[in-house]
Amino acid sequence: LSGGEPYSATVTVRGNETRLLFETGLRGVASELPAPLAKSSIETVPLRVEIAPTGGGDRIAVAFGRNVAADFVRRASGNTTVVQRAALVLGSAAALPLKLPERGLLLSGNLPSLNLDLWTPLLSGTGGGGSAGSGAAPAGFDLQLGALDVFGKRLNRTSIRGTADAHGWSANGPTGSWGWSSHGIARASPTATSCATTPGRSRPGATSRAATPGAGAIVA
């Protein structure tokens, strides 16, 4: 992230509870994160962050534009706070009430496209932001995608479900299974009905073996 933008803050005090609300249009702030969190400095994208106390912790609700919403439940642990449950919703479903998982993080929703090759270094904790803690809660995801770019290949009109943690991720869909390890090992097992194509080319129904985006080895 780069740049700056004024924001408004609202503090509401009721009894012993204090609620905080931050709102900004983010004009002047640029994000180089992959889509759907990419943003130029000339764009105006409303950001709303609300922090409310709960028993032994707090709950943070975030809305980024119309297509990204998140909800985090944290608890106090010594001198810090730990995320117990969280939900991140992408696409049109972000306008609906979020449902928190019983534990960990749940990523769900629908997007016209998602480039998992760009997100992999960030999910694996190797994208310059530091490594995720080994004690982090596991994450699950359930996404409907118009196009998925993974290991240099494109899958059209697909859905993926899987899990991720500090050591990597694994996913399954109707066109095969994929995974990535923070140790540099990728695996891809497309099925015979895979619609994997090189981005920019249209080859519906073609079966393709995905290539690793780095120095890892592909394991079928």
C-alpha atoms as a PDB file:
ATOM      1  CA  LEU A   1       0.000   0.000   0.000  1.00  0.00           C
ATOM      2  CA  SER A   2       1.125   3.570  -0.695  1.00  0.00           C
ATOM      3  CA  GLY A   3      -0.321   7.055  -0.420  1.00  0.00           C
ATOM      4  CA  GLY A   4      -2.668   8.628   2.080  1.00  0.00           C
ATOM      5  CA  GLU A   5      -6.289   9.714   2.488  1.00  0.00           C
ATOM      6  CA  PRO A   6      -8.185  11.474   5.303  1.00  0.00           C
ATOM      7  CA  TYR A   7     -10.677   9.382   7.249  1.00  0.00           C
ATOM      8  CA  SER A   8     -13.488   9.986   9.693  1.00  0.00           C
ATOM      9  CA  ALA A   9     -13.653   8.293  13.067  1.00  0.00           C
ATOM     10  CA  THR A  10     -16.747   7.897  15.217  1.00  0.00           C
ATOM     11  CA  VAL A  11     -16.541   6.846  18.863  1.00  0.00           C
ATOM     12  CA  THR A  12     -19.694   5.564  20.554  1.00  0.00           C
ATOM     13  CA  VAL A  13     -19.683   4.942  24.308  1.00  0.00           C
ATOM     14  CA  ARG A  14     -22.495   2.987  25.961  1.00  0.00           C
ATOM     15  CA  GLY A  15     -21.914   2.116  29.576  1.00  0.00           C
ATOM     16  CA  ASN A  16     -18.545   0.370  29.745  1.00  0.00           C
ATOM     17  CA  GLU A  17     -18.489  -0.418  26.020  1.00  0.00           C
ATOM     18  CA  THR A  18     -16.711   1.670  23.389  1.00  0.00           C
ATOM     19  CA  ARG A  19     -17.328   1.180  19.676  1.00  0.00           C
ATOM     20  CA  LEU A  20     -15.071   2.611  16.977  1.00  0.00           C
ATOM     21  CA  LEU A  21     -16.017   3.290  13.353  1.00  0.00           C
ATOM     22  CA  PHE A  22     -13.525   4.357  10.671  1.00  0.00           C
ATOM     23  CA  GLU A  23     -14.624   5.395   7.179  1.00  0.00           C
ATOM     24  CA  THR A  24     -12.670   6.623   4.149  1.00  0.00           C
ATOM     25  CA  GLY A  25     -12.889   6.679   0.352  1.00  0.00           C
ATOM     26  CA  LEU A  26      -9.225   5.636  -0.074  1.00  0.00           C
ATOM     27  CA  ARG A  27      -8.730   8.112  -2.924  1.00  0.00           C
ATOM     28  CA  GLY A  28      -4.986   8.775  -3.050  1.00  0.00           C
ATOM     29  CA  VAL A  29      -4.154   5.289  -1.724  1.00  0.00           C
ATOM     30  CA  ALA A  30      -2.804   2.651  -4.114  1.00  0.00           C
ATOM     31  CA  SER A  31      -2.766  -1.105  -3.494  1.00  0.00           C
ATOM     32  CA  GLU A  32      -0.441  -3.416  -5.404  1.00  0.00           C
ATOM     33  CA  LEU A  33      -2.084  -6.517  -3.976  1.00  0.00           C
ATOM     34  CA  PRO A  34      -3.574  -8.902  -6.559  1.00  0.00           C
ATOM     35  CA  ALA A  35      -7.244  -8.560  -7.530  1.00  0.00           C
ATOM     36  CA  PRO A  36      -9.746  -8.184  -5.967  1.00  0.00           C
ATOM     37  CA  LEU A  37      -7.714  -5.995  -3.594  1.00  0.00           C
ATOM     38  CA  ALA A  38      -5.783  -4.118  -6.307  1.00  0.00           C
ATOM     39  CA  LYS A  39      -6.517  -0.395  -6.525  1.00  0.00           C
ATOM     40  CA  SER A  40      -5.041   2.688  -8.211  1.00  0.00           C
ATOM     41  CA  SER A  41      -4.566   5.961  -6.346  1.00  0.00           C
ATOM     42  CA  ILE A  42      -7.180   7.759  -8.463  1.00  0.00           C
ATOM     43  CA  GLU A  43      -9.957   5.303  -7.638  1.00  0.00           C
ATOM     44  CA  THR A  44     -12.437   5.916  -4.849  1.00  0.00           C
ATOM     45  CA  VAL A  45     -13.305   2.720  -2.983  1.00  0.00           C
ATOM     46  CA  PRO A  46     -15.234   3.103   0.285  1.00  0.00           C
ATOM     47  CA  LEU A  47     -13.598   1.405   3.247  1.00  0.00           C
ATOM     48  CA  ARG A  48     -15.509   0.898   6.490  1.00  0.00           C
ATOM     49  CA  VAL A  49     -13.997  -0.645   9.629  1.00  0.00           C
ATOM     50  CA  GLU A  50     -16.068  -1.128  12.781  1.00  0.00           C
ATOM     51  CA  ILE A  51     -14.613  -2.415  16.056  1.00  0.00           C
ATOM     52  CA  ALA A  52     -16.994  -3.542  18.799  1.00  0.00           C
ATOM     53  CA  PRO A  53     -16.172  -5.153  22.145  1.00  0.00           C
ATOM     54  CA  THR A  54     -17.215  -8.704  22.982  1.00  0.00           C
ATOM     55  CA  GLY A  55     -16.815 -10.808  26.087  1.00  0.00           C
ATOM     56  CA  GLY A  56     -13.055 -11.185  26.483  1.00  0.00           C
ATOM     57  CA  GLY A  57     -12.161  -9.629  23.115  1.00  0.00           C
ATOM     58  CA  ASP A  58     -13.603  -7.723  20.194  1.00  0.00           C
ATOM     59  CA  ARG A  59     -15.192  -8.116  16.774  1.00  0.00           C
ATOM     60  CA  ILE A  60     -13.975  -6.279  13.676  1.00  0.00           C
ATOM     61  CA  ALA A  61     -16.230  -5.839  10.634  1.00  0.00           C
ATOM     62  CA  VAL A  62     -14.622  -4.625   7.390  1.00  0.00           C
ATOM     63  CA  ALA A  63     -16.225  -3.618   4.086  1.00  0.00           C
ATOM     64  CA  PHE A  64     -14.030  -2.755   1.089  1.00  0.00           C
ATOM     65  CA  GLY A  65     -16.146  -1.449  -1.757  1.00  0.00           C
ATOM     66  CA  ARG A  66     -19.117  -3.598  -2.752  1.00  0.00           C
ATOM     67  CA  ASN A  67     -17.301  -6.867  -3.360  1.00  0.00           C
ATOM     68  CA  VAL A  68     -15.146  -7.514  -0.286  1.00  0.00           C
ATOM     69  CA  ALA A  69     -16.374  -7.979   3.290  1.00  0.00           C
ATOM     70  CA  ALA A  70     -14.754  -9.510   6.345  1.00  0.00           C
ATOM     71  CA  ASP A  71     -15.620 -10.263   9.952  1.00  0.00           C
ATOM     72  CA  PHE A  72     -13.060 -11.136  12.657  1.00  0.00           C
ATOM     73  CA  VAL A  73     -13.649 -12.321  16.216  1.00  0.00           C
ATOM     74  CA  ARG A  74     -10.634 -11.886  18.485  1.00  0.00           C
ATOM     75  CA  ARG A  75      -9.950 -12.799  22.089  1.00  0.00           C
ATOM     76  CA  ALA A  76      -7.430 -11.415  24.540  1.00  0.00           C
ATOM     77  CA  SER A  77      -4.403 -13.633  25.183  1.00  0.00           C
ATOM     78  CA  GLY A  78      -1.954 -12.081  27.609  1.00  0.00           C
ATOM     79  CA  ASN A  79      -0.731  -8.788  26.171  1.00  0.00           C
ATOM     80  CA  THR A  80      -1.994  -9.504  22.669  1.00  0.00           C
ATOM     81  CA  THR A  81      -5.139 -10.596  20.826  1.00  0.00           C
ATOM     82  CA  VAL A  82      -5.693 -13.775  18.799  1.00  0.00           C
ATOM     83  CA  VAL A  83      -8.143 -14.246  15.933  1.00  0.00           C
ATOM     84  CA  GLN A  84     -10.452 -17.128  16.851  1.00  0.00           C
ATOM     85  CA  ARG A  85     -12.863 -17.010  13.921  1.00  0.00           C
ATOM     86  CA  ALA A  86     -13.006 -15.017  10.722  1.00  0.00           C
ATOM     87  CA  ALA A  87     -14.979 -14.872   7.492  1.00  0.00           C
ATOM     88  CA  LEU A  88     -13.907 -13.212   4.241  1.00  0.00           C
ATOM     89  CA  VAL A  89     -16.470 -12.969   1.438  1.00  0.00           C
ATOM     90  CA  LEU A  90     -15.706 -11.880  -2.132  1.00  0.00           C
ATOM     91  CA  GLY A  91     -18.005 -10.840  -4.967  1.00  0.00           C
ATOM     92  CA  SER A  92     -21.734 -10.161  -4.861  1.00  0.00           C
ATOM     93  CA  ALA A  93     -22.140 -12.347  -1.763  1.00  0.00           C
ATOM     94  CA  ALA A  94     -20.269  -9.676   0.226  1.00  0.00           C
ATOM     95  CA  ALA A  95     -23.538  -7.730   0.449  1.00  0.00           C
ATOM     96  CA  LEU A  96     -25.148 -10.561   2.444  1.00  0.00           C
ATOM     97  CA  PRO A  97     -24.756 -11.181   6.198  1.00  0.00           C
ATOM     98  CA  LEU A  98     -21.472 -12.983   6.890  1.00  0.00           C
ATOM     99  CA  LYS A  99     -21.451 -16.417   8.524  1.00  0.00           C
ATOM    100  CA  LEU A 100     -18.510 -17.120  10.785  1.00  0.00           C
ATOM    101  CA  PRO A 101     -16.962 -20.625  10.911  1.00  0.00           C
ATOM    102  CA  GLU A 102     -16.669 -22.449  14.207  1.00  0.00           C
ATOM    103  CA  ARG A 103     -12.881 -22.069  14.071  1.00  0.00           C
ATOM    104  CA  GLY A 104     -10.264 -20.474  11.863  1.00  0.00           C
ATOM    105  CA  LEU A 105     -10.849 -18.524   8.655  1.00  0.00           C
ATOM    106  CA  LEU A 106     -13.403 -19.181   5.931  1.00  0.00           C
ATOM    107  CA  LEU A 107     -12.953 -17.577   2.502  1.00  0.00           C
ATOM    108  CA  SER A 108     -15.963 -17.807   0.201  1.00  0.00           C
ATOM    109  CA  GLY A 109     -17.792 -16.052  -2.593  1.00  0.00           C
ATOM    110  CA  ASN A 110     -17.737 -15.605  -6.337  1.00  0.00           C
ATOM    111  CA  LEU A 111     -15.412 -13.692  -8.643  1.00  0.00           C
ATOM    112  CA  PRO A 112     -15.110 -13.220 -12.407  1.00  0.00           C
ATOM    113  CA  SER A 113     -11.425 -14.175 -12.134  1.00  0.00           C
ATOM    114  CA  LEU A 114      -8.727 -15.057  -9.612  1.00  0.00           C
ATOM    115  CA  ASN A 115      -4.975 -15.398 -10.178  1.00  0.00           C
ATOM    116  CA  LEU A 116      -3.799 -17.868  -7.561  1.00  0.00           C
ATOM    117  CA  ASP A 117      -0.219 -17.681  -8.867  1.00  0.00           C
ATOM    118  CA  LEU A 118      -0.050 -14.053  -7.691  1.00  0.00           C
ATOM    119  CA  TRP A 119      -1.611 -14.840  -4.299  1.00  0.00           C
ATOM    120  CA  THR A 120       0.472 -17.959  -3.537  1.00  0.00           C
ATOM    121  CA  PRO A 121       3.593 -16.119  -2.235  1.00  0.00           C
ATOM    122  CA  LEU A 122       1.379 -14.032   0.050  1.00  0.00           C
ATOM    123  CA  LEU A 123      -0.632 -17.023   1.305  1.00  0.00           C
ATOM    124  CA  SER A 124       2.614 -18.904   1.943  1.00  0.00           C
ATOM    125  CA  GLY A 125       4.081 -16.027   3.927  1.00  0.00           C
ATOM    126  CA  THR A 126       6.969 -15.516   1.460  1.00  0.00           C
ATOM    127  CA  GLY A 127       5.804 -12.360  -0.274  1.00  0.00           C
ATOM    128  CA  GLY A 128       7.832  -9.921   1.777  1.00  0.00           C
ATOM    129  CA  GLY A 129       5.296  -9.611   4.567  1.00  0.00           C
ATOM    130  CA  GLY A 130       6.975 -12.169   6.793  1.00  0.00           C
ATOM    131  CA  SER A 131       6.122 -15.742   7.524  1.00  0.00           C
ATOM    132  CA  ALA A 132       2.836 -16.616   9.064  1.00  0.00           C
ATOM    133  CA  GLY A 133       3.074 -18.031  12.528  1.00  0.00           C
ATOM    134  CA  SER A 134       3.148 -21.798  12.811  1.00  0.00           C
ATOM    135  CA  GLY A 135       0.319 -21.587  15.326  1.00  0.00           C
ATOM    136  CA  ALA A 136      -2.058 -19.755  13.030  1.00  0.00           C
ATOM    137  CA  ALA A 137      -5.549 -21.187  12.756  1.00  0.00           C
ATOM    138  CA  PRO A 138      -6.241 -23.150   9.562  1.00  0.00           C
ATOM    139  CA  ALA A 139      -8.194 -21.556   6.743  1.00  0.00           C
ATOM    140  CA  GLY A 140     -10.776 -23.003   4.403  1.00  0.00           C
ATOM    141  CA  PHE A 141     -12.054 -21.638   1.114  1.00  0.00           C
ATOM    142  CA  ASP A 142     -15.018 -22.241  -1.161  1.00  0.00           C
ATOM    143  CA  LEU A 143     -15.055 -20.120  -4.321  1.00  0.00           C
ATOM    144  CA  GLN A 144     -17.004 -19.955  -7.581  1.00  0.00           C
ATOM    145  CA  LEU A 145     -14.822 -18.476 -10.326  1.00  0.00           C
ATOM    146  CA  GLY A 146     -15.309 -17.405 -13.909  1.00  0.00           C
ATOM    147  CA  ALA A 147     -11.598 -17.958 -14.531  1.00  0.00           C
ATOM    148  CA  LEU A 148      -8.842 -19.366 -12.323  1.00  0.00           C
ATOM    149  CA  ASP A 149      -5.145 -18.891 -13.135  1.00  0.00           C
ATOM    150  CA  VAL A 150      -3.017 -21.490 -11.338  1.00  0.00           C
ATOM    151  CA  PHE A 151       0.497 -22.761 -12.130  1.00  0.00           C
ATOM    152  CA  GLY A 152       0.523 -20.815 -15.391  1.00  0.00           C
ATOM    153  CA  LYS A 153      -2.726 -22.367 -16.662  1.00  0.00           C
ATOM    154  CA  ARG A 154      -6.270 -21.026 -16.844  1.00  0.00           C
ATOM    155  CA  LEU A 155      -9.391 -22.900 -15.804  1.00  0.00           C
ATOM    156  CA  ASN A 156     -12.682 -21.421 -17.002  1.00  0.00           C
ATOM    157  CA  ARG A 157     -15.966 -21.483 -15.076  1.00  0.00           C
ATOM    158  CA  THR A 158     -14.780 -23.547 -12.139  1.00  0.00           C
ATOM    159  CA  SER A 159     -15.235 -23.917  -8.398  1.00  0.00           C
ATOM    160  CA  ILE A 160     -12.570 -24.747  -5.820  1.00  0.00           C
ATOM    161  CA  ARG A 161     -12.634 -25.882  -2.215  1.00  0.00           C
ATOM    162  CA  GLY A 162      -9.638 -26.420   0.003  1.00  0.00           C
ATOM    163  CA  THR A 163      -7.568 -25.464   3.022  1.00  0.00           C
ATOM    164  CA  ALA A 164      -4.541 -23.313   3.733  1.00  0.00           C
ATOM    165  CA  ASP A 165      -2.169 -22.759   6.637  1.00  0.00           C
ATOM    166  CA  ALA A 166       1.290 -21.311   7.319  1.00  0.00           C
ATOM    167  CA  HIS A 167       2.884 -24.155   5.346  1.00  0.00           C
ATOM    168  CA  GLY A 168       0.926 -23.863   2.093  1.00  0.00           C
ATOM    169  CA  TRP A 169      -2.448 -24.691   0.579  1.00  0.00           C
ATOM    170  CA  SER A 170      -4.340 -27.462  -1.184  1.00  0.00           C
ATOM    171  CA  ALA A 171      -7.474 -27.258  -3.314  1.00  0.00           C
ATOM    172  CA  ASN A 172      -9.883 -29.516  -5.146  1.00  0.00           C
ATOM    173  CA  GLY A 173     -12.310 -28.770  -7.941  1.00  0.00           C
ATOM    174  CA  PRO A 174     -14.202 -30.472 -10.763  1.00  0.00           C
ATOM    175  CA  THR A 175     -11.139 -30.122 -12.990  1.00  0.00           C
ATOM    176  CA  GLY A 176      -8.527 -31.567 -10.632  1.00  0.00           C
ATOM    177  CA  SER A 177      -6.536 -30.828  -7.481  1.00  0.00           C
ATOM    178  CA  TRP A 178      -3.644 -28.499  -6.763  1.00  0.00           C
ATOM    179  CA  GLY A 179      -1.394 -27.621  -3.885  1.00  0.00           C
ATOM    180  CA  TRP A 180       1.556 -25.483  -2.887  1.00  0.00           C
ATOM    181  CA  SER A 181       4.045 -25.954  -0.059  1.00  0.00           C
ATOM    182  CA  SER A 182       6.130 -23.202   1.523  1.00  0.00           C
ATOM    183  CA  HIS A 183       9.071 -25.568   0.998  1.00  0.00           C
ATOM    184  CA  GLY A 184       8.815 -24.876  -2.739  1.00  0.00           C
ATOM    185  CA  ILE A 185       6.869 -27.938  -3.878  1.00  0.00           C
ATOM    186  CA  ALA A 186       3.824 -27.595  -6.099  1.00  0.00           C
ATOM    187  CA  ARG A 187       1.482 -30.317  -7.199  1.00  0.00           C
ATOM    188  CA  ALA A 188      -1.193 -30.400  -9.861  1.00  0.00           C
ATOM    189  CA  SER A 189      -3.391 -33.319 -10.875  1.00  0.00           C
ATOM    190  CA  PRO A 190      -5.872 -32.186 -13.547  1.00  0.00           C
ATOM    191  CA  THR A 191      -8.572 -34.674 -14.496  1.00  0.00           C
ATOM    192  CA  ALA A 192      -9.329 -35.902 -17.987  1.00  0.00           C
ATOM    193  CA  THR A 193     -12.098 -33.321 -18.265  1.00  0.00           C
ATOM    194  CA  SER A 194      -9.859 -30.411 -17.314  1.00  0.00           C
ATOM    195  CA  CYS A 195     -10.365 -27.137 -19.171  1.00  0.00           C
ATOM    196  CA  ALA A 196      -6.879 -25.838 -18.366  1.00  0.00           C
ATOM    197  CA  THR A 197      -5.467 -23.497 -20.995  1.00  0.00           C
ATOM    198  CA  THR A 198      -2.651 -21.032 -21.252  1.00  0.00           C
ATOM    199  CA  PRO A 199      -4.050 -17.553 -20.459  1.00  0.00           C
ATOM    200  CA  GLY A 200      -4.848 -15.731 -23.683  1.00  0.00           C
ATOM    201  CA  ARG A 201      -5.608 -18.932 -25.606  1.00  0.00           C
ATOM    202  CA  SER A 202      -8.936 -20.713 -25.863  1.00  0.00           C
ATOM    203  CA  ARG A 203      -8.773 -24.507 -25.829  1.00  0.00           C
ATOM    204  CA  PRO A 204     -11.940 -25.774 -24.119  1.00  0.00           C
ATOM    205  CA  GLY A 205     -11.706 -29.391 -23.063  1.00  0.00           C
ATOM    206  CA  ALA A 206      -7.954 -29.618 -23.432  1.00  0.00           C
ATOM    207  CA  THR A 207      -6.108 -31.599 -20.796  1.00  0.00           C
ATOM    208  CA  SER A 208      -2.976 -29.924 -19.557  1.00  0.00           C
ATOM    209  CA  ARG A 209      -0.377 -30.572 -16.900  1.00  0.00           C
ATOM    210  CA  ALA A 210       0.295 -27.422 -14.936  1.00  0.00           C
ATOM    211  CA  ALA A 211       3.811 -26.048 -14.572  1.00  0.00           C
ATOM    212  CA  THR A 212       5.220 -24.772 -11.303  1.00  0.00           C
ATOM    213  CA  PRO A 213       5.682 -20.991 -11.109  1.00  0.00           C
ATOM    214  CA  GLY A 214       9.015 -21.285  -9.318  1.00  0.00           C
ATOM    215  CA  ALA A 215      11.773 -23.672  -8.438  1.00  0.00           C
ATOM    216  CA  GLY A 216       9.477 -26.300  -6.986  1.00  0.00           C
ATOM    217  CA  ALA A 217       8.771 -29.710  -8.419  1.00  0.00           C
ATOM    218  CA  ILE A 218       5.407 -30.877  -9.701  1.00  0.00           C
ATOM    219  CA  VAL A 219       4.089 -33.955  -7.962  1.00  0.00           C
ATOM    220  CA  ALA A 220       1.120 -35.751  -9.522  1.00  0.00           C
END
